[in-house]
Structure formats: C-alpha cells, structure tokens
Amino acid sequence: MIYTTLLNIAIFQGIVLGLVILRSSLFNSNSNKYLAYLLFTLSILLLNYVFELEEVYTLYPFLHFIDNVEWALLLPAFLFLYIVNRIDDTVKSKQKIYLCFIPFAYSAVLNITNDLDRVAGIYTIPEPGIVIIQMLSLIHLFFVFIFIPFLLIYSYFMIRHLKDSEEKKWVVTLLTLFSSLLFFWLITWLVGIFLQYDISSTMRIVAISATFIIHWTAYIGIYKYKLANNKDAIYTFLNKDLAISCSNSQIIENNSPEEYRESISVDNHYFQKLDLLCKEDHIYTDCTLNREKIAEKLGISAGYVSQIVNTVTGDNFANYINQHRVEAVKEMISNSEYEKYNLLTMGLESGFTSKTTFYKAFKKATGQTPNEYRNSNK
C-alpha cells in the first residue's frame, strides 16, 4: 500500500511538473518542452506498473493496448531532443531528429497489430502471420537493446556543444540518472527474457528509482533554478505570488520586481530599449554580443532577455540580432559610400563572425544570397 502510494505521488508530481513546464512562460522553451514530454512518458511507465501491481489489466484487459506499447523507447529520444535543442542551431540542424521516433513507432504498430487479435479480437492472425510477427519481434528486441544505449551515448557526445559550464553539469547529471535507470531496466529485462528469472523485486527497485528521478528533477529544476535563468521570478513562483493563466499562459504577479509585472508585448519597456540600442547604438556590430551583455545593459536577467525576444518576435535571440545585422548589410549595399567594400567585409563590420554565418543568416532573412541581393539592387 505504501509502495503504490509513493508511485502514485511520483506519477502525479511528474504530470504536474510537466504541465508547469509547458504552461508557464518561466520555463517554456523548445528544449524544456521535451523535458516535459520526458516526465509524462516516465509517469506513463510508472502508471502502467501500478496498474500491473493492482491487477487492473485483469479487470480491464483492453488497457493492454497501453501497456504493450514500449514507452521506454521514448525516454532516450526525448532526452536527446532536450539536449539538442539547448545547443547551437548549426549543430542542431545537422541532426535527423525524426529518426529518434522510428523505434517507438515500429514497436507501437507491431504491438497494436498483435493486440487487435489477442486483446480486442477484431481479427485472427493466421499461423504464417504469427511467424512473421515473431520475426518482427526480434527486430523489436534489436531496437530496444541497440537503439537505447546508442542514443544515450550519442547524447553524451552532444553535450560537448553546450557552452555554459553550469548548464553542462545539470544536463550531464540528468542524462546520467536517466541512463542509469534505462540500463538497469534493460539488464533486468534481458535477464527476465533469456534466463527466465523472476524480476518482480528488481522491477520494484527500478520503479522506486524512477520516482526518485521525478522528485530530483522537480527539486533541482525548480528549486535550484536549472530550468529557467530568472531566479527572482522563480522565487515568487515558489512563494505563490504568481498565477498561471491557462487561457494565455501569461504570468500574473502581485509582489515581484518591476520587470516581471510589465506585460511582454511589442510595447514592453525593455524590448523598446533593446530595439533602440540596436537601431541607434548599433550594438549588434559587436561580434561578441550575447544575452548576458544585453541583460547587463538593460538591468534584467539573461533569461528574461530571451523571454522578451521570443515572445515579441517569435524568434530566438541570435536570429533577432542577426536580423539587425542583415539590415545593416542591406543598407551598406544600397549606399554608394560602400561601393568598394566586398560583401564579406560588410558582413564582418555588421557583427557577423564568419562568411558561413553571414551568408546563412542573409539567405534566411531575404531568400537571396548577398551576391544575388546586390545584383538585383544595382
């Protein structure tokens, strides 16, 4: 009774934490949404285990459709996507993200096809079909025992692209915890399949370990501010001076610093100040410009800078700055004073650090290469 209660608490906490990450603009980002999906998946796995302990599948056999899907194949995929979305766009664009979900999709189709016969009784699979399914199940085993370790190891390889040392520590620890859990589960499952051992007691340890990871993610992610950079805003969040509106996902605070009381829109004071710094002071020409430098100039946190830019422009900070750089190059091309400048020089003077970055950003913003744009504007 106590054991299942602990599991149920972890399931509830995982779902709530996932919803908070998705719904609150304090935590909402492309990377954090995959962490939310990761927590949801882990909660589903724990829920399936609780159903098994409570013999729910005996009472409601139809639930085997959920139980027989190999949800564990989503865990390394969401972990990998969480990490990939925290690194440089250039590296991220090279990753074939859709490949992460092929093993899960394969497992789901195979198991559902089988369950439509064994569970739902919609049709009866003939003997040759059963043989084919058994052969396909061997491929499924291959996916489980090869895909999971490979993606976890590859995720460690991708961590090297993270630039912030504190962020690296958090991501490495998170990945290590989930990797340990998955490897322990794989070994247990392998022993159960091939050696016919009773793995029920070991699976209880795996389940308890999963609850620990959910609690740890909640504690470190929120209380230690690893999912958001704005510690002051998190502090008010923890002290219940903040309300999350489900209709528009905006944060309403009663007793928080001035920067967080102001609505995030194009009229936001800090965005207007940032826009002015770009248009009049041309701060984008600094090739070392980053969120931290902007935050220092505006007197706010780096996390809030990203939040403002993302909300107002619908794009990330790097693309916002590059857009200003592209506009500066376009003005140079149109200005006869810069007629003798080559295009790369214009790009470097506007703040770009390399020819590749310059050409890529220019093509993205205008749909033309710098050469094509200059020729069309002669």
Foldseek 3Di string as FASTA:
>chain_A
DVLLVLLVVLLVLLQVVLCCLCQALQQDDQLSNLVSVLSNLLSLQSVLVSCVVVVVCVVPVVCVLSVQQPSLLSNLLSLLSSLLRQFDPVVSVPDPSVVSCVLSVLSSVLRVVVCCCVPVVPDHQDPVRVVVSVVSVVVNVVCLVPVNVVSLVVSVVSLVRRDDPVLSVVSVVLSVLSSVLSVLVNVLVVCCVPVVDDSVVVVSVSSVSSSVSSVVCVCCVQVVVNSGFAPQVSVCVVVVQWDADNVPSQIDGDDGDPQNNDDQECPRPLNVVVVCCCPPVVPLQALPDDLCVSCVVSVHTSRVVQSSCCVHVVDGPVLVSLLSLLVQLLVLLLDVVNVVPDSVVSSNSSRHDDPVVNQVSNCVNPVDGSVVSSVVND
